């Protein structure tokens, strides 16, 4: 099974690509999927995952098939073959 991943803006630079396909063995949660995506990509992990919270949501808007995961089941949203996940960076100001 495969899930398409798109990286927007600065996350494209951190990942080194704008789009990729990730193979999964079976249905997985967004949380598990993100762990797989950042595995072996320390630059992407630093850009995507908040180190104190171990959570990507402070740094990225996450869409699954065009819907923000907050209106689905959050990080526990289940992904299946053919789904598309989009990571959009969140800019912080001060």
N, C-alpha and C. Protein backbone atom coordinates (compact mmCIF):
# COMPACT_ATOMS: atom_id res chain seq x y z
N UNK A 1 0.84 -1.17 0.00
CA UNK A 1 0.00 0.00 0.00
C UNK A 1 0.89 1.23 0.00
N UNK A 2 0.36 2.35 -0.50
CA UNK A 2 1.16 3.56 -0.61
C UNK A 2 0.33 4.79 -0.27
N UNK A 3 1.00 5.77 0.38
CA UNK A 3 0.40 7.06 0.72
C UNK A 3 1.28 8.13 0.09
N UNK A 4 0.67 9.08 -0.60
CA UNK A 4 1.39 10.19 -1.20
C UNK A 4 1.57 11.28 -0.15
N UNK A 5 2.77 11.86 -0.12
CA UNK A 5 3.08 12.93 0.82
C UNK A 5 3.54 14.14 0.03
N UNK A 6 2.98 15.31 0.37
CA UNK A 6 3.42 16.57 -0.23
C UNK A 6 3.93 17.48 0.86
N UNK A 7 5.06 18.14 0.57
CA UNK A 7 5.67 19.09 1.50
C UNK A 7 5.57 20.48 0.87
N UNK A 8 5.05 21.43 1.62
CA UNK A 8 4.86 22.79 1.14
C UNK A 8 5.88 23.71 1.82
N UNK A 9 6.31 24.75 1.11
CA UNK A 9 7.17 25.80 1.67
C UNK A 9 8.47 25.29 2.24
N UNK A 10 8.79 25.74 3.46
CA UNK A 10 10.07 25.40 4.08
C UNK A 10 10.20 23.90 4.34
N UNK A 11 9.08 23.21 4.49
CA UNK A 11 9.17 21.75 4.69
C UNK A 11 9.64 21.06 3.42
N UNK A 12 9.40 21.67 2.27
CA UNK A 12 9.93 21.13 1.01
C UNK A 12 11.46 21.18 1.04
N UNK A 13 12.00 22.30 1.54
CA UNK A 13 13.45 22.43 1.64
C UNK A 13 14.03 21.42 2.63
N UNK A 14 13.36 21.23 3.75
CA UNK A 14 13.84 20.31 4.78
C UNK A 14 13.79 18.86 4.32
N UNK A 15 12.79 18.53 3.52
CA UNK A 15 12.65 17.15 3.05
C UNK A 15 13.48 16.88 1.80
N UNK A 16 13.81 17.94 1.08
CA UNK A 16 14.58 17.77 -0.16
C UNK A 16 13.71 17.42 -1.35
N UNK A 17 12.40 17.47 -1.19
CA UNK A 17 11.48 17.15 -2.28
C UNK A 17 10.12 17.77 -2.01
N UNK A 18 9.32 17.89 -3.04
CA UNK A 18 7.98 18.45 -2.85
C UNK A 18 6.93 17.36 -2.70
N UNK A 19 7.24 16.18 -3.22
CA UNK A 19 6.26 15.10 -3.20
C UNK A 19 6.99 13.75 -3.19
N UNK A 20 6.43 12.81 -2.46
CA UNK A 20 6.99 11.46 -2.43
C UNK A 20 5.87 10.47 -2.13
N UNK A 21 6.17 9.23 -2.31
CA UNK A 21 5.23 8.16 -1.97
C UNK A 21 5.88 7.30 -0.91
N UNK A 22 5.12 7.02 0.15
CA UNK A 22 5.62 6.20 1.25
C UNK A 22 4.82 4.90 1.27
N UNK A 23 5.53 3.80 1.25
CA UNK A 23 4.88 2.50 1.30
C UNK A 23 4.56 2.15 2.75
N UNK A 24 3.35 1.65 2.96
CA UNK A 24 2.93 1.20 4.28
C UNK A 24 2.44 -0.24 4.16
N UNK A 25 2.61 -1.00 5.23
CA UNK A 25 2.20 -2.41 5.20
C UNK A 25 0.70 -2.58 5.41
N UNK A 26 0.14 -1.73 6.28
CA UNK A 26 -1.29 -1.81 6.55
C UNK A 26 -1.77 -0.44 7.01
N UNK A 27 -3.00 -0.34 7.39
CA UNK A 27 -3.57 0.93 7.84
C UNK A 27 -2.79 1.42 9.06
N UNK A 28 -2.38 2.71 9.04
CA UNK A 28 -1.61 3.29 10.15
C UNK A 28 -2.21 4.64 10.51
N UNK A 29 -1.93 5.09 11.73
CA UNK A 29 -2.37 6.41 12.17
C UNK A 29 -1.43 7.47 11.59
N UNK A 30 -1.91 8.70 11.55
CA UNK A 30 -1.07 9.81 11.10
C UNK A 30 0.17 9.90 11.97
N UNK A 31 0.02 9.70 13.28
CA UNK A 31 1.17 9.74 14.20
C UNK A 31 2.25 8.72 13.79
N UNK A 32 1.84 7.48 13.54
CA UNK A 32 2.78 6.43 13.14
C UNK A 32 3.38 6.75 11.77
N UNK A 33 2.57 7.28 10.89
CA UNK A 33 3.02 7.61 9.54
C UNK A 33 4.10 8.70 9.59
N UNK A 34 3.90 9.72 10.41
CA UNK A 34 4.88 10.81 10.52
C UNK A 34 6.20 10.26 11.04
N UNK A 35 6.14 9.36 12.00
CA UNK A 35 7.38 8.74 12.50
C UNK A 35 8.13 8.05 11.36
N UNK A 36 7.39 7.38 10.49
CA UNK A 36 8.01 6.70 9.35
C UNK A 36 8.59 7.70 8.37
N UNK A 37 7.88 8.80 8.13
CA UNK A 37 8.32 9.80 7.16
C UNK A 37 9.62 10.47 7.62
N UNK A 38 9.73 10.83 8.91
CA UNK A 38 10.92 11.54 9.38
C UNK A 38 12.08 10.61 9.72
N UNK A 39 11.82 9.33 9.78
CA UNK A 39 12.87 8.35 10.08
C UNK A 39 14.00 8.49 9.06
N UNK A 40 15.20 8.73 9.55
CA UNK A 40 16.35 8.86 8.65
C UNK A 40 16.46 10.23 7.98
N UNK A 41 15.61 11.18 8.37
CA UNK A 41 15.67 12.54 7.82
C UNK A 41 15.73 13.55 8.97
N UNK A 42 16.90 13.70 9.60
CA UNK A 42 17.00 14.56 10.79
C UNK A 42 16.61 16.02 10.53
N UNK A 43 16.91 16.54 9.36
CA UNK A 43 16.57 17.93 9.04
C UNK A 43 15.04 18.10 8.99
N UNK A 44 14.35 17.15 8.38
CA UNK A 44 12.90 17.20 8.32
C UNK A 44 12.30 17.02 9.71
N UNK A 45 12.86 16.12 10.49
CA UNK A 45 12.36 15.89 11.85
C UNK A 45 12.46 17.16 12.68
N UNK A 46 13.59 17.86 12.59
CA UNK A 46 13.77 19.11 13.34
C UNK A 46 12.76 20.17 12.90
N UNK A 47 12.47 20.24 11.61
CA UNK A 47 11.54 21.24 11.09
C UNK A 47 10.09 20.90 11.40
N UNK A 48 9.77 19.63 11.46
CA UNK A 48 8.38 19.20 11.58
C UNK A 48 7.93 18.92 13.01
N UNK A 49 8.77 18.28 13.79
CA UNK A 49 8.38 17.82 15.13
C UNK A 49 8.83 18.80 16.20
N UNK A 50 7.90 19.28 17.03
CA UNK A 50 8.25 20.11 18.17
C UNK A 50 8.95 19.21 19.19
N UNK A 51 10.22 19.50 19.53
CA UNK A 51 10.98 18.59 20.40
C UNK A 51 10.45 18.48 21.82
N UNK A 52 9.87 19.56 22.35
CA UNK A 52 9.35 19.51 23.71
C UNK A 52 8.05 18.72 23.81
N UNK A 53 7.23 18.84 22.78
CA UNK A 53 5.93 18.17 22.80
C UNK A 53 5.93 16.84 22.05
N UNK A 54 6.98 16.59 21.26
CA UNK A 54 7.05 15.42 20.39
C UNK A 54 5.79 15.35 19.51
N UNK A 55 5.45 16.51 18.93
CA UNK A 55 4.20 16.68 18.20
C UNK A 55 4.44 17.59 17.00
N UNK A 56 3.93 17.24 15.83
CA UNK A 56 4.13 18.09 14.66
C UNK A 56 3.13 19.25 14.55
N UNK A 57 2.05 19.21 15.28
CA UNK A 57 0.98 20.20 15.09
C UNK A 57 1.37 21.64 15.36
N UNK A 58 2.30 21.95 16.29
CA UNK A 58 2.68 23.36 16.44
C UNK A 58 3.44 23.90 15.21
N UNK A 59 4.02 23.03 14.42
CA UNK A 59 4.87 23.44 13.30
C UNK A 59 4.24 23.25 11.93
N UNK A 60 3.15 22.51 11.84
CA UNK A 60 2.58 22.23 10.52
C UNK A 60 1.08 22.03 10.58
N UNK A 61 0.44 22.47 9.54
CA UNK A 61 -0.96 22.16 9.29
C UNK A 61 -0.91 20.84 8.52
N UNK A 62 -1.64 19.85 8.98
CA UNK A 62 -1.58 18.52 8.36
C UNK A 62 -2.94 18.22 7.74
N UNK A 63 -2.93 17.96 6.45
CA UNK A 63 -4.15 17.65 5.71
C UNK A 63 -4.12 16.20 5.26
N UNK A 64 -5.24 15.54 5.38
CA UNK A 64 -5.39 14.18 4.85
C UNK A 64 -6.54 14.24 3.84
N UNK A 65 -6.21 13.97 2.61
CA UNK A 65 -7.19 14.03 1.52
C UNK A 65 -7.94 15.36 1.51
N UNK A 66 -7.19 16.45 1.76
CA UNK A 66 -7.75 17.78 1.69
C UNK A 66 -8.43 18.28 2.95
N UNK A 67 -8.48 17.47 4.01
CA UNK A 67 -9.12 17.87 5.27
C UNK A 67 -8.08 17.97 6.37
N UNK A 68 -8.15 19.06 7.14
CA UNK A 68 -7.25 19.25 8.26
C UNK A 68 -7.54 18.17 9.29
N UNK A 69 -6.48 17.58 9.88
CA UNK A 69 -6.68 16.44 10.78
C UNK A 69 -7.48 16.80 12.02
N UNK A 70 -7.57 18.08 12.37
CA UNK A 70 -8.35 18.50 13.53
C UNK A 70 -9.84 18.22 13.36
N UNK A 71 -10.33 18.19 12.12
CA UNK A 71 -11.74 17.89 11.88
C UNK A 71 -11.95 16.40 11.65
N UNK A 72 -10.87 15.67 11.63
CA UNK A 72 -10.94 14.21 11.50
C UNK A 72 -10.73 13.62 12.90
N UNK A 73 -9.70 12.82 13.07
CA UNK A 73 -9.44 12.22 14.37
C UNK A 73 -8.04 12.60 14.86
N UNK A 74 -7.59 13.81 14.50
CA UNK A 74 -6.28 14.28 14.93
C UNK A 74 -5.16 13.36 14.47
N UNK A 75 -4.16 13.20 15.33
CA UNK A 75 -3.02 12.33 15.00
C UNK A 75 -3.41 10.86 14.95
N UNK A 76 -4.58 10.54 15.44
CA UNK A 76 -5.06 9.15 15.40
C UNK A 76 -5.88 8.86 14.14
N UNK A 77 -5.98 9.83 13.23
CA UNK A 77 -6.64 9.61 11.94
C UNK A 77 -5.94 8.46 11.24
N UNK A 78 -6.69 7.51 10.77
CA UNK A 78 -6.11 6.34 10.13
C UNK A 78 -5.93 6.58 8.63
N UNK A 79 -4.75 6.20 8.14
CA UNK A 79 -4.42 6.32 6.72
C UNK A 79 -4.52 4.97 6.05
N UNK A 80 -4.93 4.99 4.80
CA UNK A 80 -5.05 3.75 4.05
C UNK A 80 -4.46 3.95 2.66
N UNK A 81 -4.37 2.90 1.93
CA UNK A 81 -3.81 2.92 0.58
C UNK A 81 -4.47 4.01 -0.26
N UNK A 82 -3.63 4.81 -0.94
CA UNK A 82 -4.13 5.84 -1.84
C UNK A 82 -4.37 7.19 -1.21
N UNK A 83 -4.26 7.31 0.10
CA UNK A 83 -4.48 8.60 0.76
C UNK A 83 -3.35 9.57 0.41
N UNK A 84 -3.63 10.87 0.58
CA UNK A 84 -2.62 11.90 0.40
C UNK A 84 -2.52 12.71 1.68
N UNK A 85 -1.29 12.91 2.15
CA UNK A 85 -1.02 13.72 3.33
C UNK A 85 -0.20 14.93 2.88
N UNK A 86 -0.64 16.11 3.30
CA UNK A 86 0.06 17.34 2.95
C UNK A 86 0.50 18.02 4.23
N UNK A 87 1.76 18.43 4.27
CA UNK A 87 2.32 19.17 5.41
C UNK A 87 2.55 20.61 4.98
N UNK A 88 1.88 21.54 5.65
CA UNK A 88 2.01 22.97 5.37
C UNK A 88 2.63 23.61 6.59
N UNK A 89 3.79 24.28 6.45
CA UNK A 89 4.44 24.86 7.63
C UNK A 89 3.61 25.99 8.23
N UNK A 90 3.70 26.10 9.54
CA UNK A 90 3.04 27.18 10.27
C UNK A 90 4.14 28.18 10.65
N UNK A 91 3.93 29.43 10.30
CA UNK A 91 4.90 30.46 10.63
C UNK A 91 4.54 31.05 11.97
N UNK A 92 5.57 31.26 12.81
CA UNK A 92 5.37 31.83 14.13
C UNK A 92 6.00 33.21 14.16
N UNK A 93 5.34 34.11 14.81
CA UNK A 93 5.89 35.47 14.96
C UNK A 93 6.02 35.82 16.42
N UNK A 94 6.66 36.91 16.68
CA UNK A 94 6.84 37.25 18.07
C UNK A 94 6.91 38.71 18.32
